[in-house]
Protein backbone atom coordinates (compact mmCIF):
# COMPACT_ATOMS: atom_id res chain seq x y z
CA MET A 1 -0.06 0.06 0.02
CA GLU A 2 2.73 2.22 1.01
CA LYS A 3 4.15 2.05 -2.99
CA GLN A 4 0.50 3.07 -4.15
CA GLN A 5 0.89 5.95 -2.48
CA GLN A 6 4.08 7.14 -3.06
CA GLN A 7 3.15 6.95 -6.60
CA PHE A 8 -0.26 8.68 -6.58
CA SER A 9 2.36 11.35 -4.67
CA LEU A 10 4.14 11.64 -7.75
CA TRP A 11 1.40 11.78 -10.03
CA TYR A 12 0.04 14.15 -8.15
CA PHE A 13 3.63 16.70 -8.19
CA LEU A 14 3.56 15.97 -11.89
CA ILE A 15 -0.07 17.41 -12.23
CA VAL A 16 0.01 20.21 -10.02
CA PHE A 17 3.56 21.23 -11.61
CA LEU A 18 2.32 21.64 -15.17
CA LEU A 19 -0.66 23.65 -14.10
CA ILE A 20 1.49 25.97 -12.51
CA LEU A 21 3.69 26.48 -15.50
CA ALA A 22 0.43 26.84 -18.10
CA MET A 23 -1.32 29.53 -15.36
CA GLN A 24 2.36 31.48 -15.29
CA SER A 25 2.46 31.25 -19.12
CA PHE A 26 -0.68 32.34 -19.56
CA LEU A 27 -1.01 35.19 -16.54
CA PHE A 28 2.79 36.04 -16.94
CA ALA A 29 3.49 36.17 -21.43
CA PRO A 30 4.60 39.43 -23.08
CA HIS A 31 1.49 41.50 -23.58
CA ALA A 32 0.77 42.83 -27.48
CA GLU A 33 -1.63 45.74 -27.62
CA ASN A 34 -2.53 47.04 -31.44
CA ILE A 35 -1.90 51.27 -31.30
CA ASP A 36 -3.54 53.63 -33.44
CA TYR A 37 -0.42 55.47 -35.61
CA SER A 38 -0.88 58.75 -33.73
CA GLU A 39 -0.85 57.76 -30.37
CA PHE A 40 2.93 55.38 -32.05
CA LYS A 41 3.84 58.56 -33.17
CA ALA A 42 3.58 60.55 -29.86
CA LEU A 43 4.55 57.95 -27.67
CA LEU A 44 7.77 57.55 -30.29
CA LYS A 45 8.19 62.07 -30.17
CA ALA A 46 8.40 61.63 -26.11
CA GLY A 47 10.63 58.90 -26.16
CA LYS A 48 8.54 55.86 -24.85
CA VAL A 49 9.15 53.73 -27.59
CA GLU A 50 12.41 51.53 -27.98
CA ASN A 51 13.44 48.56 -30.25
CA ILE A 52 11.73 49.74 -33.21
CA ALA A 53 11.50 47.11 -36.13
CA LEU A 54 10.24 48.13 -39.82
CA GLY A 55 7.74 45.00 -41.47
CA GLU A 56 6.03 45.09 -44.48
CA LEU A 57 2.41 45.16 -42.62
CA ALA A 58 2.96 45.97 -39.59
CA ILE A 59 5.81 48.47 -37.16
CA THR A 60 6.41 46.96 -33.45
CA GLY A 61 8.21 48.63 -30.77
CA THR A 62 8.36 48.08 -27.34
CA PHE A 63 7.38 51.30 -24.09
CA LYS A 64 9.60 52.34 -21.85
CA LEU A 65 7.12 51.40 -18.79
CA GLU A 66 8.73 54.27 -16.72
CA GLY A 67 6.72 56.97 -17.15
CA LEU A 68 4.02 56.04 -20.04
CA GLU A 69 1.36 56.59 -17.30
CA GLY A 70 0.53 60.05 -18.34
CA CYS A 71 1.38 60.11 -21.90
CA CYS A 72 -1.41 60.22 -24.61
């Protein structure tokens, strides 16, 4: 009976571990949001955008988080 109890504990641990990984990837994944081009230009002019990449269909970049609350 002790072996069955130990095996159950191992499966319980694995399930909880996988559940925690799934929650972490869902809750703490990088957040992407579409914004208007005029808002993007205002953020760029204010110096709040970094790591800009120009593509055929989209312009992507990352925001500097400090001081972003009061902008635009």
